[in-house]
Amino acid sequence: MSSQKVAVLSELERKRKSVEELLLKMESYLYEPQTQSRFQKKEILKSNISRTADSTGSLLEILRMNDISIMESMDDVERQIEECYELELEVAKYVLNR
């Protein structure tokens, strides 16, 4: 496996773990919503977190199991990393505006 592929897989793995930690944070009693709109926002975030974790995990499996060049999949990898960053930002906004 090329060093570039190892680096990309490592970054995706870090993002997957980060997203899983976001879900744990959102399930914490510290961030229980006080209003209906906050409850809805929390449920949307949890759904997005689960979807992102699943899609990141799937992409990791595909890249690990198949002999796919990273260059062939860079668009998917970049999109997945961007999605993780955006989700982290949304959760930070939710947590800070409680």
N, C-alpha and C. Protein backbone atom coordinates (compact mmCIF):
# COMPACT_ATOMS: atom_id res chain seq x y z
N MET A 1 0.86 -1.18 0.00
CA MET A 1 0.00 0.00 0.00
C MET A 1 0.90 1.24 0.00
N SER A 2 0.56 2.19 -0.81
CA SER A 2 1.37 3.39 -0.92
C SER A 2 1.27 4.24 0.35
N SER A 3 2.27 5.06 0.57
CA SER A 3 2.26 5.93 1.75
C SER A 3 1.13 6.95 1.65
N GLN A 4 0.80 7.36 0.42
CA GLN A 4 -0.30 8.31 0.23
C GLN A 4 -1.63 7.66 0.64
N LYS A 5 -1.82 6.41 0.27
CA LYS A 5 -3.05 5.72 0.62
C LYS A 5 -3.14 5.52 2.13
N VAL A 6 -2.03 5.18 2.76
CA VAL A 6 -2.01 5.02 4.21
C VAL A 6 -2.37 6.33 4.90
N ALA A 7 -1.83 7.43 4.41
CA ALA A 7 -2.13 8.74 5.00
C ALA A 7 -3.60 9.10 4.86
N VAL A 8 -4.17 8.84 3.69
CA VAL A 8 -5.58 9.14 3.47
C VAL A 8 -6.46 8.26 4.34
N LEU A 9 -6.13 6.97 4.42
CA LEU A 9 -6.91 6.06 5.27
C LEU A 9 -6.82 6.47 6.74
N SER A 10 -5.65 6.91 7.17
CA SER A 10 -5.49 7.36 8.56
C SER A 10 -6.34 8.59 8.84
N GLU A 11 -6.36 9.52 7.90
CA GLU A 11 -7.17 10.74 8.06
C GLU A 11 -8.66 10.39 8.11
N LEU A 12 -9.09 9.50 7.23
CA LEU A 12 -10.50 9.08 7.25
C LEU A 12 -10.85 8.37 8.56
N GLU A 13 -9.94 7.56 9.05
CA GLU A 13 -10.18 6.86 10.32
C GLU A 13 -10.29 7.86 11.47
N ARG A 14 -9.44 8.87 11.48
CA ARG A 14 -9.53 9.92 12.51
C ARG A 14 -10.87 10.64 12.43
N LYS A 15 -11.30 10.93 11.22
CA LYS A 15 -12.59 11.61 11.04
C LYS A 15 -13.74 10.73 11.50
N ARG A 16 -13.68 9.44 11.21
CA ARG A 16 -14.73 8.53 11.64
C ARG A 16 -14.82 8.51 13.16
N LYS A 17 -13.69 8.43 13.83
CA LYS A 17 -13.67 8.43 15.29
C LYS A 17 -14.18 9.76 15.84
N SER A 18 -13.80 10.84 15.20
CA SER A 18 -14.25 12.16 15.62
C SER A 18 -15.78 12.27 15.53
N VAL A 19 -16.34 11.75 14.46
CA VAL A 19 -17.79 11.79 14.28
C VAL A 19 -18.49 10.92 15.33
N GLU A 20 -17.91 9.78 15.64
CA GLU A 20 -18.49 8.93 16.68
C GLU A 20 -18.46 9.64 18.04
N GLU A 21 -17.40 10.39 18.30
CA GLU A 21 -17.32 11.16 19.54
C GLU A 21 -18.37 12.27 19.57
N LEU A 22 -18.68 12.84 18.40
CA LEU A 22 -19.74 13.85 18.34
C LEU A 22 -21.08 13.24 18.76
N LEU A 23 -21.34 12.01 18.33
CA LEU A 23 -22.58 11.36 18.70
C LEU A 23 -22.64 11.14 20.21
N LEU A 24 -21.54 10.73 20.80
CA LEU A 24 -21.50 10.57 22.26
C LEU A 24 -21.75 11.89 22.96
N LYS A 25 -21.19 12.95 22.44
CA LYS A 25 -21.38 14.28 23.01
C LYS A 25 -22.86 14.68 22.94
N MET A 26 -23.46 14.43 21.78
CA MET A 26 -24.87 14.81 21.60
C MET A 26 -25.81 14.00 22.48
N GLU A 27 -25.40 12.80 22.87
CA GLU A 27 -26.23 11.97 23.72
C GLU A 27 -26.03 12.28 25.20
N SER A 28 -25.08 13.15 25.49
CA SER A 28 -24.80 13.53 26.87
C SER A 28 -25.96 14.36 27.45
N TYR A 29 -26.25 14.14 28.71
CA TYR A 29 -27.30 14.91 29.37
C TYR A 29 -26.97 16.40 29.45
N LEU A 30 -25.70 16.75 29.29
CA LEU A 30 -25.29 18.16 29.34
C LEU A 30 -25.91 18.98 28.22
N TYR A 31 -26.27 18.32 27.14
CA TYR A 31 -26.76 19.04 25.97
C TYR A 31 -28.23 18.74 25.69
N GLU A 32 -28.98 18.41 26.74
CA GLU A 32 -30.40 18.17 26.58
C GLU A 32 -31.09 19.47 26.19
N PRO A 33 -31.93 19.40 25.17
CA PRO A 33 -32.61 20.62 24.70
C PRO A 33 -33.68 21.10 25.68
N GLN A 34 -33.90 22.40 25.68
CA GLN A 34 -34.90 22.99 26.56
C GLN A 34 -36.15 23.44 25.80
N THR A 35 -36.05 23.48 24.49
CA THR A 35 -37.19 23.91 23.67
C THR A 35 -37.44 22.89 22.56
N GLN A 36 -38.61 22.99 21.96
CA GLN A 36 -38.96 22.07 20.88
C GLN A 36 -38.02 22.24 19.68
N SER A 37 -37.69 23.47 19.34
CA SER A 37 -36.81 23.69 18.18
C SER A 37 -35.41 23.13 18.44
N ARG A 38 -34.94 23.26 19.67
CA ARG A 38 -33.62 22.70 20.02
C ARG A 38 -33.66 21.17 20.00
N PHE A 39 -34.78 20.60 20.43
CA PHE A 39 -34.95 19.15 20.38
C PHE A 39 -34.89 18.67 18.93
N GLN A 40 -35.59 19.38 18.05
CA GLN A 40 -35.58 19.02 16.64
C GLN A 40 -34.18 19.15 16.04
N LYS A 41 -33.49 20.22 16.40
CA LYS A 41 -32.13 20.43 15.90
C LYS A 41 -31.21 19.30 16.37
N LYS A 42 -31.37 18.90 17.64
CA LYS A 42 -30.54 17.83 18.18
C LYS A 42 -30.81 16.52 17.43
N GLU A 43 -32.06 16.22 17.15
CA GLU A 43 -32.39 14.99 16.44
C GLU A 43 -31.84 15.01 15.01
N ILE A 44 -31.90 16.16 14.37
CA ILE A 44 -31.35 16.29 13.02
C ILE A 44 -29.84 16.08 13.05
N LEU A 45 -29.18 16.69 14.03
CA LEU A 45 -27.73 16.52 14.16
C LEU A 45 -27.36 15.07 14.41
N LYS A 46 -28.09 14.41 15.30
CA LYS A 46 -27.80 13.00 15.59
C LYS A 46 -27.98 12.14 14.34
N SER A 47 -29.01 12.44 13.57
CA SER A 47 -29.24 11.69 12.33
C SER A 47 -28.10 11.93 11.33
N ASN A 48 -27.69 13.18 11.20
CA ASN A 48 -26.59 13.51 10.30
C ASN A 48 -25.28 12.88 10.75
N ILE A 49 -25.06 12.85 12.05
CA ILE A 49 -23.85 12.23 12.60
C ILE A 49 -23.83 10.74 12.27
N SER A 50 -24.94 10.07 12.49
CA SER A 50 -25.02 8.64 12.20
C SER A 50 -24.80 8.35 10.72
N ARG A 51 -25.42 9.15 9.87
CA ARG A 51 -25.27 8.98 8.43
C ARG A 51 -23.83 9.20 8.01
N THR A 52 -23.20 10.24 8.55
CA THR A 52 -21.81 10.54 8.20
C THR A 52 -20.87 9.45 8.70
N ALA A 53 -21.10 8.95 9.90
CA ALA A 53 -20.27 7.87 10.43
C ALA A 53 -20.39 6.63 9.55
N ASP A 54 -21.61 6.31 9.14
CA ASP A 54 -21.82 5.15 8.28
C ASP A 54 -21.13 5.32 6.93
N SER A 55 -21.29 6.49 6.32
CA SER A 55 -20.70 6.69 4.99
C SER A 55 -19.18 6.74 5.06
N THR A 56 -18.63 7.29 6.14
CA THR A 56 -17.18 7.31 6.31
C THR A 56 -16.66 5.88 6.49
N GLY A 57 -17.36 5.10 7.31
CA GLY A 57 -16.98 3.71 7.51
C GLY A 57 -17.05 2.91 6.22
N SER A 58 -18.09 3.13 5.43
CA SER A 58 -18.23 2.43 4.15
C SER A 58 -17.10 2.79 3.19
N LEU A 59 -16.77 4.07 3.12
CA LEU A 59 -15.68 4.50 2.25
C LEU A 59 -14.36 3.88 2.69
N LEU A 60 -14.13 3.83 3.99
CA LEU A 60 -12.91 3.20 4.51
C LEU A 60 -12.85 1.73 4.10
N GLU A 61 -13.95 1.01 4.24
CA GLU A 61 -13.99 -0.40 3.87
C GLU A 61 -13.68 -0.58 2.40
N ILE A 62 -14.30 0.23 1.56
CA ILE A 62 -14.09 0.12 0.12
C ILE A 62 -12.63 0.36 -0.23
N LEU A 63 -12.04 1.39 0.37
CA LEU A 63 -10.65 1.72 0.06
C LEU A 63 -9.69 0.67 0.59
N ARG A 64 -10.01 0.05 1.72
CA ARG A 64 -9.14 -0.97 2.30
C ARG A 64 -9.24 -2.30 1.56
N MET A 65 -10.45 -2.70 1.22
CA MET A 65 -10.68 -4.03 0.67
C MET A 65 -10.36 -4.13 -0.82
N ASN A 66 -10.57 -3.08 -1.53
CA ASN A 66 -10.34 -3.12 -2.98
C ASN A 66 -9.01 -2.48 -3.31
N ASP A 67 -8.46 -2.92 -4.38
CA ASP A 67 -7.18 -2.36 -4.82
C ASP A 67 -7.45 -1.13 -5.68
N ILE A 68 -8.05 -0.14 -5.03
CA ILE A 68 -8.43 1.10 -5.71
C ILE A 68 -7.34 2.15 -5.45
N SER A 69 -6.97 2.82 -6.48
CA SER A 69 -6.01 3.91 -6.34
C SER A 69 -6.68 5.06 -5.59
N ILE A 70 -5.94 5.68 -4.71
CA ILE A 70 -6.46 6.83 -3.97
C ILE A 70 -6.82 7.95 -4.94
N MET A 71 -6.06 8.09 -5.99
CA MET A 71 -6.33 9.16 -6.96
C MET A 71 -7.70 8.98 -7.60
N GLU A 72 -8.13 7.73 -7.80
CA GLU A 72 -9.45 7.46 -8.36
C GLU A 72 -10.56 7.87 -7.40
N SER A 73 -10.26 7.86 -6.11
CA SER A 73 -11.28 8.11 -5.09
C SER A 73 -11.11 9.43 -4.36
N MET A 74 -10.19 10.27 -4.81
CA MET A 74 -9.90 11.51 -4.07
C MET A 74 -11.12 12.41 -3.93
N ASP A 75 -11.97 12.47 -4.95
CA ASP A 75 -13.17 13.31 -4.85
C ASP A 75 -14.05 12.82 -3.71
N ASP A 76 -14.24 11.50 -3.63
CA ASP A 76 -15.06 10.93 -2.55
C ASP A 76 -14.43 11.19 -1.19
N VAL A 77 -13.12 11.02 -1.11
CA VAL A 77 -12.41 11.22 0.16
C VAL A 77 -12.51 12.68 0.59
N GLU A 78 -12.26 13.59 -0.32
CA GLU A 78 -12.32 15.02 0.01
C GLU A 78 -13.74 15.42 0.42
N ARG A 79 -14.73 14.90 -0.27
CA ARG A 79 -16.12 15.20 0.06
C ARG A 79 -16.46 14.68 1.46
N GLN A 80 -15.98 13.49 1.78
CA GLN A 80 -16.26 12.90 3.09
C GLN A 80 -15.58 13.69 4.21
N ILE A 81 -14.36 14.09 4.00
CA ILE A 81 -13.64 14.88 5.01
C ILE A 81 -14.32 16.22 5.20
N GLU A 82 -14.74 16.85 4.12
CA GLU A 82 -15.45 18.13 4.20
C GLU A 82 -16.77 17.97 4.97
N GLU A 83 -17.47 16.88 4.70
CA GLU A 83 -18.73 16.62 5.41
C GLU A 83 -18.49 16.47 6.91
N CYS A 84 -17.41 15.82 7.28
CA CYS A 84 -17.07 15.66 8.70
C CYS A 84 -16.77 17.01 9.34
N TYR A 85 -16.00 17.84 8.64
CA TYR A 85 -15.69 19.18 9.17
C TYR A 85 -16.96 20.01 9.36
N GLU A 86 -17.84 19.96 8.38
CA GLU A 86 -19.08 20.72 8.48
C GLU A 86 -19.94 20.23 9.65
N LEU A 87 -19.97 18.95 9.85
CA LEU A 87 -20.73 18.38 10.96
C LEU A 87 -20.13 18.81 12.31
N GLU A 88 -18.81 18.79 12.41
CA GLU A 88 -18.16 19.25 13.63
C GLU A 88 -18.53 20.70 13.92
N LEU A 89 -18.57 21.52 12.89
CA LEU A 89 -18.93 22.93 13.05
C LEU A 89 -20.38 23.07 13.51
N GLU A 90 -21.29 22.32 12.91
CA GLU A 90 -22.71 22.37 13.31
C GLU A 90 -22.90 21.97 14.77
N VAL A 91 -22.20 20.93 15.19
CA VAL A 91 -22.32 20.48 16.58
C VAL A 91 -21.74 21.54 17.52
N ALA A 92 -20.62 22.14 17.13
CA ALA A 92 -20.04 23.21 17.96
C ALA A 92 -21.01 24.37 18.11
N LYS A 93 -21.67 24.75 17.03
CA LYS A 93 -22.66 25.83 17.10
C LYS A 93 -23.81 25.45 18.03
N TYR A 94 -24.27 24.22 17.92
CA TYR A 94 -25.37 23.74 18.78
C TYR A 94 -24.96 23.80 20.25
N VAL A 95 -23.76 23.31 20.54
CA VAL A 95 -23.29 23.25 21.92
C VAL A 95 -23.10 24.64 22.50
N LEU A 96 -22.57 25.56 21.72
CA LEU A 96 -22.30 26.91 22.21
C LEU A 96 -23.55 27.76 22.36
N ASN A 97 -24.61 27.41 21.65
CA ASN A 97 -25.83 28.21 21.69
C ASN A 97 -26.91 27.61 22.59
N ARG A 98 -26.53 26.83 23.53
CA ARG A 98 -27.55 26.18 24.37
C ARG A 98 -28.09 27.10 25.41
